[in-house]
Amino acid sequence: MNHLLHAAVIGIGATLLMDLWGVVRQPLFGFARLDYAMIGRWFGHLARGQVRHRAIAAAPPIPAERWIGATAHYLIGIAFAALLLEAFGMAWLVRPTLAPALIVGIGTVLAPLLIMQPAMGAGIAGSRTANPTATRVQSLLTHAIYGLGLYLAGWLDHLVFAP
């Protein structure tokens, strides 16, 4: 099995765990789940040359934006899993360990804090949200869960596909 297929299995598994966390955190902490439509809307407008928005929710809708957003979300999850395998080597799959997965997972929080949130109108690190500290903590926790997902999906990949 090649590098990309391992990255796909691990990235999809980790992203799925992150999304399941989004379902759980909504009733526990009152934070809404990730809205794939807003991600898709941003990517749709990005393809037309508009990078920044005052408020992405106020931007005109894009056809199939929810599907675009979900697809982008999982492709990004796969790309970060590929980064894990590139940074720590395919040998990581022989005996996946938690530290590299958490390093990559927590490191991925930089993407929403420094790229997505500012581009969508929420400011750097959610500074324009109603509660920036809570936004930052939830982003960090969500990406730590993604890191845990990288680790668990790495073990699943190892057990099923044994590189």
C-alpha atoms as a PDB file:
ATOM      1  CA  MET A   1       0.000   0.000   0.000  1.00  0.00           C
ATOM      2  CA  ASN A   2       1.475   3.352  -0.921  1.00  0.00           C
ATOM      3  CA  HIS A   3       1.987   6.519   1.106  1.00  0.00           C
ATOM      4  CA  LEU A   4      -1.134   8.280  -0.205  1.00  0.00           C
ATOM      5  CA  LEU A   5      -3.448   5.381   0.612  1.00  0.00           C
ATOM      6  CA  HIS A   6      -2.114   5.199   4.168  1.00  0.00           C
ATOM      7  CA  ALA A   7      -2.543   8.976   4.464  1.00  0.00           C
ATOM      8  CA  ALA A   8      -6.129   8.660   3.192  1.00  0.00           C
ATOM      9  CA  VAL A   9      -7.043   5.973   5.737  1.00  0.00           C
ATOM     10  CA  ILE A  10      -5.414   7.870   8.597  1.00  0.00           C
ATOM     11  CA  GLY A  11      -6.654  11.313   7.525  1.00  0.00           C
ATOM     12  CA  ILE A  12     -10.243  10.190   7.031  1.00  0.00           C
ATOM     13  CA  GLY A  13     -10.225   8.346  10.356  1.00  0.00           C
ATOM     14  CA  ALA A  14      -8.772  11.319  12.242  1.00  0.00           C
ATOM     15  CA  THR A  15     -11.138  13.787  10.593  1.00  0.00           C
ATOM     16  CA  LEU A  16     -14.081  11.538  11.391  1.00  0.00           C
ATOM     17  CA  LEU A  17     -13.096  11.504  15.077  1.00  0.00           C
ATOM     18  CA  MET A  18     -12.771  15.292  14.996  1.00  0.00           C
ATOM     19  CA  ASP A  19     -16.257  15.561  13.490  1.00  0.00           C
ATOM     20  CA  LEU A  20     -17.674  13.168  16.103  1.00  0.00           C
ATOM     21  CA  TRP A  21     -16.148  15.432  18.732  1.00  0.00           C
ATOM     22  CA  GLY A  22     -18.051  18.317  17.131  1.00  0.00           C
ATOM     23  CA  VAL A  23     -21.306  16.408  17.625  1.00  0.00           C
ATOM     24  CA  VAL A  24     -20.476  15.718  21.294  1.00  0.00           C
ATOM     25  CA  ARG A  25     -19.205  19.183  22.177  1.00  0.00           C
ATOM     26  CA  GLN A  26     -22.358  20.905  20.950  1.00  0.00           C
ATOM     27  CA  PRO A  27     -24.583  19.702  23.805  1.00  0.00           C
ATOM     28  CA  LEU A  28     -21.711  19.645  26.325  1.00  0.00           C
ATOM     29  CA  PHE A  29     -20.253  23.104  25.728  1.00  0.00           C
ATOM     30  CA  GLY A  30     -22.785  24.873  23.519  1.00  0.00           C
ATOM     31  CA  PHE A  31     -20.376  25.245  20.609  1.00  0.00           C
ATOM     32  CA  ALA A  32     -21.953  24.726  17.224  1.00  0.00           C
ATOM     33  CA  ARG A  33     -20.619  22.021  14.952  1.00  0.00           C
ATOM     34  CA  LEU A  34     -18.433  22.948  12.018  1.00  0.00           C
ATOM     35  CA  ASP A  35     -20.655  24.229   9.237  1.00  0.00           C
ATOM     36  CA  TYR A  36     -19.349  22.637   6.051  1.00  0.00           C
ATOM     37  CA  ALA A  37     -21.416  25.109   4.023  1.00  0.00           C
ATOM     38  CA  MET A  38     -19.339  28.049   5.279  1.00  0.00           C
ATOM     39  CA  ILE A  39     -16.109  26.209   4.412  1.00  0.00           C
ATOM     40  CA  GLY A  40     -17.494  25.456   0.952  1.00  0.00           C
ATOM     41  CA  ARG A  41     -18.673  29.031   0.538  1.00  0.00           C
ATOM     42  CA  TRP A  42     -15.197  30.298   1.386  1.00  0.00           C
ATOM     43  CA  PHE A  43     -13.543  27.886  -1.070  1.00  0.00           C
ATOM     44  CA  GLY A  44     -16.126  28.773  -3.718  1.00  0.00           C
ATOM     45  CA  HIS A  45     -15.385  32.476  -3.383  1.00  0.00           C
ATOM     46  CA  LEU A  46     -11.654  31.753  -3.190  1.00  0.00           C
ATOM     47  CA  ALA A  47     -11.889  30.058  -6.594  1.00  0.00           C
ATOM     48  CA  ARG A  48     -13.382  33.338  -7.870  1.00  0.00           C
ATOM     49  CA  GLY A  49     -10.508  35.355  -6.395  1.00  0.00           C
ATOM     50  CA  GLN A  50     -12.012  36.584  -3.122  1.00  0.00           C
ATOM     51  CA  VAL A  51      -9.886  35.557  -0.156  1.00  0.00           C
ATOM     52  CA  ARG A  52     -11.210  37.706   2.716  1.00  0.00           C
ATOM     53  CA  HIS A  53     -14.749  38.319   3.861  1.00  0.00           C
ATOM     54  CA  ARG A  54     -16.195  40.652   6.439  1.00  0.00           C
ATOM     55  CA  ALA A  55     -18.501  37.767   7.442  1.00  0.00           C
ATOM     56  CA  ILE A  56     -18.590  34.559   5.413  1.00  0.00           C
ATOM     57  CA  ALA A  57     -22.207  33.900   6.443  1.00  0.00           C
ATOM     58  CA  ALA A  58     -23.214  37.137   4.678  1.00  0.00           C
ATOM     59  CA  ALA A  59     -21.396  36.227   1.449  1.00  0.00           C
ATOM     60  CA  PRO A  60     -23.561  34.993  -1.415  1.00  0.00           C
ATOM     61  CA  PRO A  61     -24.104  31.214  -1.294  1.00  0.00           C
ATOM     62  CA  ILE A  62     -22.199  28.948  -3.683  1.00  0.00           C
ATOM     63  CA  PRO A  63     -23.903  26.001  -5.408  1.00  0.00           C
ATOM     64  CA  ALA A  64     -23.121  22.728  -3.563  1.00  0.00           C
ATOM     65  CA  GLU A  65     -21.239  24.634  -0.866  1.00  0.00           C
ATOM     66  CA  ARG A  66     -21.936  22.036   1.854  1.00  0.00           C
ATOM     67  CA  TRP A  67     -20.577  19.239  -0.345  1.00  0.00           C
ATOM     68  CA  ILE A  68     -17.569  21.373  -1.332  1.00  0.00           C
ATOM     69  CA  GLY A  69     -16.892  22.180   2.317  1.00  0.00           C
ATOM     70  CA  ALA A  70     -17.128  18.564   3.505  1.00  0.00           C
ATOM     71  CA  THR A  71     -14.892  17.393   0.669  1.00  0.00           C
ATOM     72  CA  ALA A  72     -12.328  20.115   1.406  1.00  0.00           C
ATOM     73  CA  HIS A  73     -12.436  19.330   5.138  1.00  0.00           C
ATOM     74  CA  TYR A  74     -11.624  15.650   4.545  1.00  0.00           C
ATOM     75  CA  LEU A  75      -9.003  16.376   1.864  1.00  0.00           C
ATOM     76  CA  ILE A  76      -7.269  18.740   4.300  1.00  0.00           C
ATOM     77  CA  GLY A  77      -7.419  16.000   6.941  1.00  0.00           C
ATOM     78  CA  ILE A  78      -5.745  13.618   4.487  1.00  0.00           C
ATOM     79  CA  ALA A  79      -3.105  16.220   3.612  1.00  0.00           C
ATOM     80  CA  PHE A  80      -2.205  16.680   7.286  1.00  0.00           C
ATOM     81  CA  ALA A  81      -2.011  12.892   7.719  1.00  0.00           C
ATOM     82  CA  ALA A  82       0.386  12.810   4.752  1.00  0.00           C
ATOM     83  CA  LEU A  83       2.410  15.506   6.523  1.00  0.00           C
ATOM     84  CA  LEU A  84       2.602  13.262   9.594  1.00  0.00           C
ATOM     85  CA  LEU A  85       3.888  10.353   7.491  1.00  0.00           C
ATOM     86  CA  GLU A  86       6.334  12.605   5.676  1.00  0.00           C
ATOM     87  CA  ALA A  87       7.652  14.220   8.863  1.00  0.00           C
ATOM     88  CA  PHE A  88       7.952  11.049  10.935  1.00  0.00           C
ATOM     89  CA  GLY A  89       8.397   8.515   8.158  1.00  0.00           C
ATOM     90  CA  MET A  90       6.504   5.449   7.114  1.00  0.00           C
ATOM     91  CA  ALA A  91       8.263   3.691  10.001  1.00  0.00           C
ATOM     92  CA  TRP A  92       5.752   5.459  12.266  1.00  0.00           C
ATOM     93  CA  LEU A  93       3.126   3.071  10.875  1.00  0.00           C
ATOM     94  CA  VAL A  94       5.037   0.052  12.166  1.00  0.00           C
ATOM     95  CA  ARG A  95       4.392   1.226  15.737  1.00  0.00           C
ATOM     96  CA  PRO A  96       2.334   4.407  15.828  1.00  0.00           C
ATOM     97  CA  THR A  97       3.053   6.584  18.843  1.00  0.00           C
ATOM     98  CA  LEU A  98       0.965   9.342  20.327  1.00  0.00           C
ATOM     99  CA  ALA A  99       3.518  12.181  20.495  1.00  0.00           C
ATOM    100  CA  PRO A 100       4.083  12.636  16.725  1.00  0.00           C
ATOM    101  CA  ALA A 101       0.344  12.428  16.084  1.00  0.00           C
ATOM    102  CA  LEU A 102      -0.382  15.066  18.730  1.00  0.00           C
ATOM    103  CA  ILE A 103       2.428  17.303  17.469  1.00  0.00           C
ATOM    104  CA  VAL A 104       0.935  17.297  13.985  1.00  0.00           C
ATOM    105  CA  GLY A 105      -2.673  17.394  15.197  1.00  0.00           C
ATOM    106  CA  ILE A 106      -2.175  20.315  17.557  1.00  0.00           C
ATOM    107  CA  GLY A 107       0.013  22.043  14.974  1.00  0.00           C
ATOM    108  CA  THR A 108      -2.876  21.980  12.504  1.00  0.00           C
ATOM    109  CA  VAL A 109      -4.711  24.496  14.709  1.00  0.00           C
ATOM    110  CA  LEU A 110      -2.588  27.165  13.039  1.00  0.00           C
ATOM    111  CA  ALA A 111      -4.613  26.759   9.829  1.00  0.00           C
ATOM    112  CA  PRO A 112      -7.947  27.892  11.267  1.00  0.00           C
ATOM    113  CA  LEU A 113      -6.460  30.428  13.685  1.00  0.00           C
ATOM    114  CA  LEU A 114      -4.215  32.150  11.149  1.00  0.00           C
ATOM    115  CA  ILE A 115      -5.878  31.451   7.793  1.00  0.00           C
ATOM    116  CA  MET A 116      -9.504  30.336   7.896  1.00  0.00           C
ATOM    117  CA  GLN A 117     -10.847  32.472  10.754  1.00  0.00           C
ATOM    118  CA  PRO A 118      -9.273  35.721   9.507  1.00  0.00           C
ATOM    119  CA  ALA A 119     -10.338  35.005   5.922  1.00  0.00           C
ATOM    120  CA  MET A 120     -13.909  34.304   6.991  1.00  0.00           C
ATOM    121  CA  GLY A 121     -14.205  37.479   9.039  1.00  0.00           C
ATOM    122  CA  ALA A 122     -13.648  36.061  12.545  1.00  0.00           C
ATOM    123  CA  GLY A 123     -10.264  37.779  12.928  1.00  0.00           C
ATOM    124  CA  ILE A 124      -6.882  36.291  13.776  1.00  0.00           C
ATOM    125  CA  ALA A 125      -7.408  33.478  16.272  1.00  0.00           C
ATOM    126  CA  GLY A 126     -11.106  34.270  16.476  1.00  0.00           C
ATOM    127  CA  SER A 127     -10.456  37.772  17.836  1.00  0.00           C
ATOM    128  CA  ARG A 128     -13.723  39.072  16.346  1.00  0.00           C
ATOM    129  CA  THR A 129     -15.924  36.315  17.746  1.00  0.00           C
ATOM    130  CA  ALA A 130     -18.257  36.780  20.719  1.00  0.00           C
ATOM    131  CA  ASN A 131     -15.842  34.904  22.998  1.00  0.00           C
ATOM    132  CA  PRO A 132     -12.335  34.760  21.502  1.00  0.00           C
ATOM    133  CA  THR A 133     -10.857  32.787  24.412  1.00  0.00           C
ATOM    134  CA  ALA A 134     -13.519  30.086  24.165  1.00  0.00           C
ATOM    135  CA  THR A 135     -13.078  29.992  20.375  1.00  0.00           C
ATOM    136  CA  ARG A 136      -9.331  29.482  20.762  1.00  0.00           C
ATOM    137  CA  VAL A 137      -9.694  26.813  23.445  1.00  0.00           C
ATOM    138  CA  GLN A 138     -12.290  24.923  21.384  1.00  0.00           C
ATOM    139  CA  SER A 139     -10.087  25.148  18.273  1.00  0.00           C
ATOM    140  CA  LEU A 140      -7.101  23.836  20.200  1.00  0.00           C
ATOM    141  CA  LEU A 141      -9.112  21.030  21.789  1.00  0.00           C
ATOM    142  CA  THR A 142     -10.667  20.063  18.458  1.00  0.00           C
ATOM    143  CA  HIS A 143      -7.266  19.827  16.799  1.00  0.00           C
ATOM    144  CA  ALA A 144      -5.867  17.841  19.735  1.00  0.00           C
ATOM    145  CA  ILE A 145      -8.763  15.417  19.149  1.00  0.00           C
ATOM    146  CA  TYR A 146      -7.696  15.297  15.478  1.00  0.00           C
ATOM    147  CA  GLY A 147      -4.174  14.418  16.703  1.00  0.00           C
ATOM    148  CA  LEU A 148      -5.612  11.631  18.853  1.00  0.00           C
ATOM    149  CA  GLY A 149      -7.508  10.521  15.757  1.00  0.00           C
ATOM    150  CA  LEU A 150      -4.254  10.408  13.777  1.00  0.00           C
ATOM    151  CA  TYR A 151      -2.826   8.095  16.415  1.00  0.00           C
ATOM    152  CA  LEU A 152      -5.892   5.821  16.609  1.00  0.00           C
ATOM    153  CA  ALA A 153      -6.313   5.703  12.833  1.00  0.00           C
ATOM    154  CA  GLY A 154      -2.570   4.992  12.526  1.00  0.00           C
ATOM    155  CA  TRP A 155      -3.049   1.943  14.717  1.00  0.00           C
ATOM    156  CA  LEU A 156      -6.092   0.870  12.723  1.00  0.00           C
ATOM    157  CA  ASP A 157      -4.119   1.259   9.501  1.00  0.00           C
ATOM    158  CA  HIS A 158      -1.262  -0.725  11.032  1.00  0.00           C
ATOM    159  CA  LEU A 159      -3.538  -3.550  12.173  1.00  0.00           C
ATOM    160  CA  VAL A 160      -5.441  -3.804   8.894  1.00  0.00           C
ATOM    161  CA  PHE A 161      -2.759  -3.051   6.316  1.00  0.00           C
ATOM    162  CA  ALA A 162       0.509  -3.808   8.185  1.00  0.00           C
ATOM    163  CA  PRO A 163       3.070  -1.873   6.113  1.00  0.00           C
END
